[in-house]
Each structure stands twice: as C-alpha cells, then as structure tokens.
Amino acid sequence: MTDDERLPQPATADIDLVTVLHALGDPVRMTLLLSYADDAEHSCGPRDLGLDHLHKSTVSHHMRVLREAGVTTTRVAGRNRFVSLRRADLDSRFPGLLDALLAAQAAPAR
C-alpha cells in the first residue's frame, strides 16, 4: 500500500443505520467514538487510545468494525495508520445521530 491510501470503507450512500448502531453497540467502540469526536486524526496504537489494557488484535478488530460500518476512515501513511470520524458522511446520512450518541455518552448515569 502506498502512502496516504485509505483502507476499504463503504461509500457514504452505502452506510446503513442498523450496521452503524450495531457497531456502536459495544462499550469499547463507544469509547473509541468518544476519542474520535474531536474530528482529529488519531494513531491506532492501543496506548494512544487509552486502551492499553486490551490486546492489539482486539483493538484492531474494534477499529475494523467501525471502519466497515462507515463510522470511521483509516488513512495509511507508510507503516502508520490514522483514524478519524466520518462525521460529515454520518451527518448527511443520519442527521443528529452522532450528536445524540455523544450527548448520551457524556451524560452522567442515573
């Protein structure tokens, strides 16, 4: 793979609501969503994501599920991978969904 390629992901029109909700139904993936909510690119390392208690392969699995659901995009630069939230794509397909999910996660538990 050459520099600055993207890993396979669904086109915006192909992002499916059920698939997105299924991908975000896991607590680890919701933690990743919160990490990516700043709309910056993030390194894929478990330690960089605050997930150093998980095996690297487990983190890779969660990141793949998010990417294949259309929640994130992964840019490859040499040996490094950088992940970011596909906010514009998700907002165009499902207006308000991300904001509602992020607000629900930020709200204190009752």
N, C-alpha and C. Protein backbone atom coordinates (compact mmCIF):
# COMPACT_ATOMS: atom_id res chain seq x y z
N MET A 1 0.85 -1.17 0.00
CA MET A 1 0.00 0.00 0.00
C MET A 1 0.90 1.23 0.00
N THR A 2 0.61 2.21 -0.85
CA THR A 2 1.42 3.42 -0.90
C THR A 2 0.95 4.43 0.13
N ASP A 3 1.76 5.47 0.32
CA ASP A 3 1.42 6.49 1.31
C ASP A 3 0.06 7.12 1.04
N ASP A 4 -0.59 7.46 2.13
CA ASP A 4 -1.85 8.19 2.12
C ASP A 4 -2.97 7.50 1.35
N GLU A 5 -3.02 6.21 1.44
CA GLU A 5 -4.17 5.46 0.92
C GLU A 5 -5.16 5.27 2.05
N ARG A 6 -6.38 4.96 1.69
CA ARG A 6 -7.41 4.69 2.68
C ARG A 6 -7.76 3.21 2.63
N LEU A 7 -8.01 2.64 3.79
CA LEU A 7 -8.47 1.25 3.84
C LEU A 7 -9.91 1.20 3.33
N PRO A 8 -10.35 0.04 2.85
CA PRO A 8 -11.71 -0.07 2.30
C PRO A 8 -12.78 0.34 3.32
N GLN A 9 -13.74 1.09 2.82
CA GLN A 9 -14.85 1.55 3.65
C GLN A 9 -16.06 1.75 2.74
N PRO A 10 -17.27 1.73 3.30
CA PRO A 10 -18.44 1.91 2.44
C PRO A 10 -18.53 3.35 1.93
N ALA A 11 -19.09 3.50 0.75
CA ALA A 11 -19.38 4.84 0.24
C ALA A 11 -20.44 5.46 1.14
N THR A 12 -20.51 6.77 1.14
CA THR A 12 -21.47 7.47 2.01
C THR A 12 -22.88 6.94 1.80
N ALA A 13 -23.30 6.77 0.57
CA ALA A 13 -24.66 6.31 0.27
C ALA A 13 -24.91 4.88 0.76
N ASP A 14 -23.86 4.12 0.99
CA ASP A 14 -23.99 2.73 1.41
C ASP A 14 -23.92 2.54 2.92
N ILE A 15 -23.75 3.61 3.68
CA ILE A 15 -23.71 3.49 5.14
C ILE A 15 -25.11 3.17 5.63
N ASP A 16 -25.24 2.08 6.36
CA ASP A 16 -26.53 1.55 6.80
C ASP A 16 -26.73 1.82 8.29
N LEU A 17 -27.90 2.32 8.66
CA LEU A 17 -28.18 2.68 10.05
C LEU A 17 -28.04 1.49 10.99
N VAL A 18 -28.60 0.35 10.64
CA VAL A 18 -28.52 -0.83 11.51
C VAL A 18 -27.07 -1.25 11.73
N THR A 19 -26.27 -1.20 10.68
CA THR A 19 -24.86 -1.57 10.79
C THR A 19 -24.11 -0.59 11.69
N VAL A 20 -24.40 0.70 11.56
CA VAL A 20 -23.76 1.72 12.41
C VAL A 20 -24.14 1.49 13.87
N LEU A 21 -25.43 1.30 14.13
CA LEU A 21 -25.88 1.10 15.51
C LEU A 21 -25.31 -0.19 16.10
N HIS A 22 -25.22 -1.23 15.29
CA HIS A 22 -24.61 -2.48 15.76
C HIS A 22 -23.14 -2.24 16.12
N ALA A 23 -22.44 -1.52 15.26
CA ALA A 23 -21.01 -1.25 15.51
C ALA A 23 -20.83 -0.45 16.80
N LEU A 24 -21.75 0.45 17.08
CA LEU A 24 -21.62 1.29 18.27
C LEU A 24 -22.28 0.67 19.50
N GLY A 25 -22.78 -0.54 19.37
CA GLY A 25 -23.41 -1.22 20.49
C GLY A 25 -22.43 -1.86 21.46
N ASP A 26 -21.15 -1.72 21.20
CA ASP A 26 -20.12 -2.29 22.07
C ASP A 26 -19.47 -1.16 22.87
N PRO A 27 -19.29 -1.34 24.18
CA PRO A 27 -18.71 -0.28 25.02
C PRO A 27 -17.32 0.19 24.58
N VAL A 28 -16.49 -0.72 24.09
CA VAL A 28 -15.15 -0.32 23.64
C VAL A 28 -15.27 0.57 22.41
N ARG A 29 -16.16 0.21 21.50
CA ARG A 29 -16.32 1.02 20.29
C ARG A 29 -16.95 2.37 20.60
N MET A 30 -17.81 2.43 21.61
CA MET A 30 -18.34 3.74 22.03
C MET A 30 -17.22 4.58 22.64
N THR A 31 -16.30 3.95 23.36
CA THR A 31 -15.14 4.67 23.89
C THR A 31 -14.31 5.23 22.74
N LEU A 32 -14.12 4.43 21.71
CA LEU A 32 -13.39 4.91 20.53
C LEU A 32 -14.13 6.07 19.87
N LEU A 33 -15.45 5.99 19.77
CA LEU A 33 -16.23 7.08 19.19
C LEU A 33 -15.99 8.38 19.96
N LEU A 34 -16.00 8.29 21.28
CA LEU A 34 -15.73 9.48 22.10
C LEU A 34 -14.33 10.02 21.84
N SER A 35 -13.37 9.14 21.66
CA SER A 35 -12.00 9.57 21.37
C SER A 35 -11.91 10.29 20.04
N TYR A 36 -12.69 9.84 19.06
CA TYR A 36 -12.63 10.40 17.72
C TYR A 36 -13.53 11.62 17.55
N ALA A 37 -14.32 11.96 18.55
CA ALA A 37 -15.31 13.03 18.43
C ALA A 37 -14.70 14.41 18.21
N ASP A 38 -13.40 14.56 18.47
CA ASP A 38 -12.75 15.86 18.27
C ASP A 38 -12.45 16.13 16.80
N ASP A 39 -12.79 15.19 15.94
CA ASP A 39 -12.61 15.31 14.48
C ASP A 39 -11.16 15.39 14.04
N ALA A 40 -10.23 15.03 14.90
CA ALA A 40 -8.82 14.97 14.53
C ALA A 40 -8.47 13.55 14.11
N GLU A 41 -7.32 13.39 13.48
CA GLU A 41 -6.82 12.06 13.18
C GLU A 41 -6.11 11.51 14.41
N HIS A 42 -6.29 10.22 14.65
CA HIS A 42 -5.70 9.57 15.81
C HIS A 42 -4.87 8.37 15.38
N SER A 43 -3.77 8.17 16.08
CA SER A 43 -2.95 6.98 15.87
C SER A 43 -3.76 5.76 16.29
N CYS A 44 -3.41 4.62 15.75
CA CYS A 44 -4.14 3.38 16.04
C CYS A 44 -3.61 2.62 17.24
N GLY A 45 -2.56 3.09 17.86
CA GLY A 45 -1.97 2.35 18.98
C GLY A 45 -2.89 2.28 20.18
N PRO A 46 -3.05 1.09 20.79
CA PRO A 46 -3.91 0.96 21.96
C PRO A 46 -3.55 1.94 23.08
N ARG A 47 -2.28 2.16 23.31
CA ARG A 47 -1.86 3.09 24.36
C ARG A 47 -2.31 4.51 24.03
N ASP A 48 -2.19 4.89 22.76
CA ASP A 48 -2.59 6.23 22.33
C ASP A 48 -4.09 6.46 22.50
N LEU A 49 -4.86 5.39 22.47
CA LEU A 49 -6.31 5.48 22.58
C LEU A 49 -6.81 5.23 24.00
N GLY A 50 -5.90 5.02 24.93
CA GLY A 50 -6.29 4.72 26.31
C GLY A 50 -6.84 3.32 26.47
N LEU A 51 -6.46 2.43 25.57
CA LEU A 51 -6.96 1.04 25.59
C LEU A 51 -5.82 0.06 25.78
N ASP A 52 -4.78 0.46 26.49
CA ASP A 52 -3.62 -0.41 26.63
C ASP A 52 -3.90 -1.64 27.47
N HIS A 53 -5.08 -1.73 28.08
CA HIS A 53 -5.47 -2.95 28.80
C HIS A 53 -5.97 -4.04 27.84
N LEU A 54 -6.17 -3.68 26.56
CA LEU A 54 -6.64 -4.64 25.57
C LEU A 54 -5.49 -5.07 24.66
N HIS A 55 -5.59 -6.28 24.13
CA HIS A 55 -4.60 -6.75 23.17
C HIS A 55 -4.71 -5.93 21.89
N LYS A 56 -3.59 -5.79 21.22
CA LYS A 56 -3.55 -5.03 19.97
C LYS A 56 -4.53 -5.60 18.94
N SER A 57 -4.62 -6.92 18.88
CA SER A 57 -5.53 -7.55 17.91
C SER A 57 -7.00 -7.24 18.24
N THR A 58 -7.32 -7.12 19.51
CA THR A 58 -8.69 -6.77 19.91
C THR A 58 -9.02 -5.35 19.49
N VAL A 59 -8.09 -4.44 19.72
CA VAL A 59 -8.30 -3.04 19.32
C VAL A 59 -8.43 -2.96 17.80
N SER A 60 -7.60 -3.70 17.08
CA SER A 60 -7.67 -3.72 15.61
C SER A 60 -9.04 -4.21 15.14
N HIS A 61 -9.56 -5.23 15.81
CA HIS A 61 -10.89 -5.75 15.46
C HIS A 61 -11.95 -4.66 15.63
N HIS A 62 -11.94 -3.99 16.77
CA HIS A 62 -12.93 -2.94 17.02
C HIS A 62 -12.82 -1.82 16.00
N MET A 63 -11.60 -1.46 15.65
CA MET A 63 -11.40 -0.40 14.66
C MET A 63 -11.88 -0.83 13.28
N ARG A 64 -11.69 -2.09 12.95
CA ARG A 64 -12.17 -2.61 11.66
C ARG A 64 -13.69 -2.58 11.60
N VAL A 65 -14.35 -2.98 12.69
CA VAL A 65 -15.82 -2.96 12.72
C VAL A 65 -16.33 -1.54 12.50
N LEU A 66 -15.72 -0.57 13.16
CA LEU A 66 -16.14 0.83 12.98
C LEU A 66 -15.91 1.30 11.54
N ARG A 67 -14.77 0.95 10.98
CA ARG A 67 -14.46 1.37 9.61
C ARG A 67 -15.41 0.72 8.61
N GLU A 68 -15.64 -0.58 8.74
CA GLU A 68 -16.51 -1.29 7.80
C GLU A 68 -17.97 -0.86 7.93
N ALA A 69 -18.35 -0.33 9.09
CA ALA A 69 -19.71 0.19 9.27
C ALA A 69 -19.85 1.59 8.69
N GLY A 70 -18.72 2.24 8.40
CA GLY A 70 -18.76 3.60 7.86
C GLY A 70 -18.65 4.67 8.92
N VAL A 71 -18.34 4.29 10.15
CA VAL A 71 -18.23 5.26 11.24
C VAL A 71 -16.90 6.01 11.18
N THR A 72 -15.84 5.31 10.81
CA THR A 72 -14.52 5.93 10.76
C THR A 72 -13.87 5.70 9.40
N THR A 73 -12.81 6.42 9.16
CA THR A 73 -11.97 6.22 7.99
C THR A 73 -10.54 6.05 8.48
N THR A 74 -9.77 5.23 7.79
CA THR A 74 -8.38 4.97 8.17
C THR A 74 -7.47 5.35 7.02
N ARG A 75 -6.55 6.27 7.31
CA ARG A 75 -5.55 6.70 6.33
C ARG A 75 -4.25 6.00 6.64
N VAL A 76 -3.63 5.43 5.62
CA VAL A 76 -2.36 4.74 5.76
C VAL A 76 -1.26 5.66 5.24
N ALA A 77 -0.26 5.90 6.09
CA ALA A 77 0.90 6.71 5.71
C ALA A 77 2.14 5.91 6.08
N GLY A 78 2.71 5.24 5.09
CA GLY A 78 3.85 4.37 5.36
C GLY A 78 3.41 3.20 6.23
N ARG A 79 4.07 3.04 7.38
CA ARG A 79 3.71 1.96 8.31
C ARG A 79 2.69 2.41 9.34
N ASN A 80 2.29 3.67 9.29
CA ASN A 80 1.36 4.23 10.28
C ASN A 80 -0.05 4.28 9.73
N ARG A 81 -0.99 4.16 10.65
CA ARG A 81 -2.41 4.27 10.30
C ARG A 81 -3.02 5.33 11.20
N PHE A 82 -3.85 6.16 10.60
CA PHE A 82 -4.50 7.24 11.32
C PHE A 82 -6.00 7.15 11.09
N VAL A 83 -6.75 7.21 12.18
CA VAL A 83 -8.20 7.04 12.13
C VAL A 83 -8.88 8.36 12.46
N SER A 84 -9.98 8.62 11.75
CA SER A 84 -10.79 9.79 12.06
C SER A 84 -12.27 9.43 11.85
N LEU A 85 -13.11 10.19 12.49
CA LEU A 85 -14.55 10.01 12.43
C LEU A 85 -15.08 10.53 11.09
N ARG A 86 -15.99 9.82 10.50
CA ARG A 86 -16.63 10.27 9.25
C ARG A 86 -17.87 11.09 9.59
N ARG A 87 -17.66 12.16 10.34
CA ARG A 87 -18.78 12.97 10.84
C ARG A 87 -19.65 13.51 9.71
N ALA A 88 -19.04 14.12 8.71
CA ALA A 88 -19.84 14.72 7.62
C ALA A 88 -20.67 13.65 6.91
N ASP A 89 -20.08 12.50 6.66
CA ASP A 89 -20.81 11.42 5.99
C ASP A 89 -21.97 10.92 6.84
N LEU A 90 -21.70 10.72 8.13
CA LEU A 90 -22.75 10.22 9.03
C LEU A 90 -23.85 11.27 9.22
N ASP A 91 -23.45 12.54 9.34
CA ASP A 91 -24.46 13.60 9.50
C ASP A 91 -25.32 13.75 8.25
N SER A 92 -24.73 13.52 7.08
CA SER A 92 -25.54 13.62 5.86
C SER A 92 -26.52 12.46 5.73
N ARG A 93 -26.12 11.29 6.20
CA ARG A 93 -26.99 10.11 6.13
C ARG A 93 -28.02 10.08 7.25
N PHE A 94 -27.58 10.42 8.46
CA PHE A 94 -28.44 10.31 9.65
C PHE A 94 -28.28 11.58 10.50
N PRO A 95 -28.93 12.67 10.10
CA PRO A 95 -28.75 13.95 10.81
C PRO A 95 -29.08 13.82 12.30
N GLY A 96 -28.16 14.30 13.13
CA GLY A 96 -28.37 14.32 14.57
C GLY A 96 -27.97 13.05 15.30
N LEU A 97 -27.71 11.97 14.58
CA LEU A 97 -27.40 10.70 15.24
C LEU A 97 -26.13 10.79 16.08
N LEU A 98 -25.05 11.27 15.49
CA LEU A 98 -23.80 11.35 16.25
C LEU A 98 -23.93 12.25 17.45
N ASP A 99 -24.55 13.41 17.28
CA ASP A 99 -24.71 14.33 18.40
C ASP A 99 -25.51 13.68 19.53
N ALA A 100 -26.56 12.94 19.18
CA ALA A 100 -27.37 12.27 20.20
C ALA A 100 -26.57 11.19 20.92
N LEU A 101 -25.80 10.41 20.17
CA LEU A 101 -25.00 9.35 20.79
C LEU A 101 -23.92 9.93 21.69
N LEU A 102 -23.26 10.97 21.23
CA LEU A 102 -22.19 11.59 22.03
C LEU A 102 -22.76 12.25 23.28
N ALA A 103 -23.92 12.89 23.15
CA ALA A 103 -24.55 13.52 24.32
C ALA A 103 -24.98 12.46 25.33
N ALA A 104 -25.50 11.34 24.85
CA ALA A 104 -25.92 10.27 25.75
C ALA A 104 -24.73 9.68 26.50
N GLN A 105 -23.59 9.55 25.82
CA GLN A 105 -22.39 9.02 26.47
C GLN A 105 -21.82 10.00 27.48
N ALA A 106 -21.95 11.29 27.21
CA ALA A 106 -21.39 12.30 28.10
C ALA A 106 -22.27 12.54 29.32
N ALA A 107 -23.56 12.20 29.23
CA ALA A 107 -24.48 12.42 30.34
C ALA A 107 -24.16 11.47 31.49
N PRO A 108 -24.26 11.96 32.73
CA PRO A 108 -23.99 11.08 33.87
C PRO A 108 -25.04 9.97 33.97
N ALA A 109 -24.60 8.81 34.41
CA ALA A 109 -25.51 7.67 34.59
C ALA A 109 -26.46 7.95 35.74
N ARG A 110 -27.68 7.49 35.60
CA ARG A 110 -28.68 7.70 36.66
C ARG A 110 -28.84 6.48 37.50
